[in-house]
């Protein structure tokens, strides 16, 4: 089975590393604005409002940098700039 060709709209089309906090401790809210269904709801996402979520994102980013900097990626993506960990 062949995979679809990577999009060439990005500088590094072959790999995209993503960290996703699956069970955040930050809690947002969605409220009904009023009785008119045409009016958009009031949304307060409250992203990264706890220290734990902030630390998880920092540690996730560092893990992704370490994975991307691994020598196994050198032959695939030799010219990538890597920020210091």
C-alpha atoms as a PDB file:
ATOM      1  CA  UNK A   1       0.000   0.000   0.000  1.00  0.00           C
ATOM      2  CA  UNK A   2       1.430   3.374  -0.982  1.00  0.00           C
ATOM      3  CA  UNK A   3       0.901   6.453   1.103  1.00  0.00           C
ATOM      4  CA  UNK A   4      -0.256   9.721  -0.363  1.00  0.00           C
ATOM      5  CA  UNK A   5       2.520  12.160  -1.289  1.00  0.00           C
ATOM      6  CA  UNK A   6       3.408  14.672   1.376  1.00  0.00           C
ATOM      7  CA  UNK A   7       2.202  18.211   0.917  1.00  0.00           C
ATOM      8  CA  UNK A   8       4.954  20.478  -0.350  1.00  0.00           C
ATOM      9  CA  UNK A   9       3.372  23.542   1.238  1.00  0.00           C
ATOM     10  CA  UNK A  10       5.506  23.148   4.364  1.00  0.00           C
ATOM     11  CA  UNK A  11       9.234  23.507   4.788  1.00  0.00           C
ATOM     12  CA  UNK A  12       9.534  20.044   6.352  1.00  0.00           C
ATOM     13  CA  UNK A  13       6.915  17.955   4.545  1.00  0.00           C
ATOM     14  CA  UNK A  14       7.973  14.469   5.621  1.00  0.00           C
ATOM     15  CA  UNK A  15       7.388  14.515   9.357  1.00  0.00           C
ATOM     16  CA  UNK A  16       5.077  16.461  11.599  1.00  0.00           C
ATOM     17  CA  UNK A  17       5.570  15.995  15.316  1.00  0.00           C
ATOM     18  CA  UNK A  18       2.654  16.867  17.561  1.00  0.00           C
ATOM     19  CA  UNK A  19       2.178  16.813  21.302  1.00  0.00           C
ATOM     20  CA  UNK A  20      -1.414  16.531  22.443  1.00  0.00           C
ATOM     21  CA  UNK A  21      -2.390  16.589  26.099  1.00  0.00           C
ATOM     22  CA  UNK A  22      -5.169  14.002  25.980  1.00  0.00           C
ATOM     23  CA  UNK A  23      -6.596  14.628  29.447  1.00  0.00           C
ATOM     24  CA  UNK A  24      -5.931  18.254  30.398  1.00  0.00           C
ATOM     25  CA  UNK A  25      -6.547  19.525  33.904  1.00  0.00           C
ATOM     26  CA  UNK A  26      -7.626  22.933  32.563  1.00  0.00           C
ATOM     27  CA  UNK A  27     -11.386  23.184  32.185  1.00  0.00           C
ATOM     28  CA  UNK A  28     -13.199  25.512  29.819  1.00  0.00           C
ATOM     29  CA  UNK A  29     -16.847  26.411  29.442  1.00  0.00           C
ATOM     30  CA  UNK A  30     -19.485  26.680  26.754  1.00  0.00           C
ATOM     31  CA  UNK A  31     -22.670  28.529  27.626  1.00  0.00           C
ATOM     32  CA  UNK A  32     -25.854  29.356  25.768  1.00  0.00           C
ATOM     33  CA  UNK A  33     -25.807  33.104  25.106  1.00  0.00           C
ATOM     34  CA  UNK A  34     -29.599  33.496  25.214  1.00  0.00           C
ATOM     35  CA  UNK A  35     -32.810  31.933  23.905  1.00  0.00           C
ATOM     36  CA  UNK A  36     -32.039  32.815  20.265  1.00  0.00           C
ATOM     37  CA  UNK A  37     -30.568  29.699  18.607  1.00  0.00           C
ATOM     38  CA  UNK A  38     -28.978  31.872  15.894  1.00  0.00           C
ATOM     39  CA  UNK A  39     -26.689  33.565  18.396  1.00  0.00           C
ATOM     40  CA  UNK A  40     -23.274  31.972  18.842  1.00  0.00           C
ATOM     41  CA  UNK A  41     -22.566  30.289  22.170  1.00  0.00           C
ATOM     42  CA  UNK A  42     -20.261  31.894  24.718  1.00  0.00           C
ATOM     43  CA  UNK A  43     -17.026  29.895  24.671  1.00  0.00           C
ATOM     44  CA  UNK A  44     -14.219  30.270  27.220  1.00  0.00           C
ATOM     45  CA  UNK A  45     -11.648  27.573  26.298  1.00  0.00           C
ATOM     46  CA  UNK A  46      -9.369  28.302  29.290  1.00  0.00           C
ATOM     47  CA  UNK A  47      -6.383  26.600  27.637  1.00  0.00           C
ATOM     48  CA  UNK A  48      -3.326  25.915  29.781  1.00  0.00           C
ATOM     49  CA  UNK A  49      -4.806  27.498  32.884  1.00  0.00           C
ATOM     50  CA  UNK A  50      -3.133  25.056  35.291  1.00  0.00           C
ATOM     51  CA  UNK A  51       0.547  24.657  36.077  1.00  0.00           C
ATOM     52  CA  UNK A  52       0.312  20.933  35.272  1.00  0.00           C
ATOM     53  CA  UNK A  53      -0.937  21.578  31.745  1.00  0.00           C
ATOM     54  CA  UNK A  54       1.772  24.185  31.141  1.00  0.00           C
ATOM     55  CA  UNK A  55       4.491  21.809  32.360  1.00  0.00           C
ATOM     56  CA  UNK A  56       3.093  18.960  30.262  1.00  0.00           C
ATOM     57  CA  UNK A  57       3.304  21.113  27.134  1.00  0.00           C
ATOM     58  CA  UNK A  58       6.887  22.147  27.936  1.00  0.00           C
ATOM     59  CA  UNK A  59       7.929  18.537  28.585  1.00  0.00           C
ATOM     60  CA  UNK A  60       6.058  17.343  25.484  1.00  0.00           C
ATOM     61  CA  UNK A  61       7.863  19.938  23.379  1.00  0.00           C
ATOM     62  CA  UNK A  62      11.225  18.865  24.765  1.00  0.00           C
ATOM     63  CA  UNK A  63      10.422  15.226  24.054  1.00  0.00           C
ATOM     64  CA  UNK A  64       9.511  16.080  20.457  1.00  0.00           C
ATOM     65  CA  UNK A  65      12.752  18.034  20.049  1.00  0.00           C
ATOM     66  CA  UNK A  66      14.729  15.054  21.347  1.00  0.00           C
ATOM     67  CA  UNK A  67      12.935  12.679  18.973  1.00  0.00           C
ATOM     68  CA  UNK A  68      13.525  15.034  16.036  1.00  0.00           C
ATOM     69  CA  UNK A  69      17.195  15.435  16.946  1.00  0.00           C
ATOM     70  CA  UNK A  70      17.813  11.678  17.060  1.00  0.00           C
ATOM     71  CA  UNK A  71      20.496  10.522  14.645  1.00  0.00           C
ATOM     72  CA  UNK A  72      17.973   8.211  12.974  1.00  0.00           C
ATOM     73  CA  UNK A  73      16.420  11.275  11.368  1.00  0.00           C
ATOM     74  CA  UNK A  74      19.689  12.557   9.867  1.00  0.00           C
ATOM     75  CA  UNK A  75      19.321  10.655   6.602  1.00  0.00           C
ATOM     76  CA  UNK A  76      15.687  11.689   6.251  1.00  0.00           C
ATOM     77  CA  UNK A  77      15.890  15.359   7.168  1.00  0.00           C
ATOM     78  CA  UNK A  78      19.569  16.402   7.187  1.00  0.00           C
ATOM     79  CA  UNK A  79      19.140  20.173   7.026  1.00  0.00           C
ATOM     80  CA  UNK A  80      16.567  20.734   9.755  1.00  0.00           C
ATOM     81  CA  UNK A  81      17.263  23.485  12.237  1.00  0.00           C
ATOM     82  CA  UNK A  82      16.791  22.201  15.756  1.00  0.00           C
ATOM     83  CA  UNK A  83      16.314  24.496  18.701  1.00  0.00           C
ATOM     84  CA  UNK A  84      18.404  23.618  21.767  1.00  0.00           C
ATOM     85  CA  UNK A  85      16.650  21.462  24.321  1.00  0.00           C
END
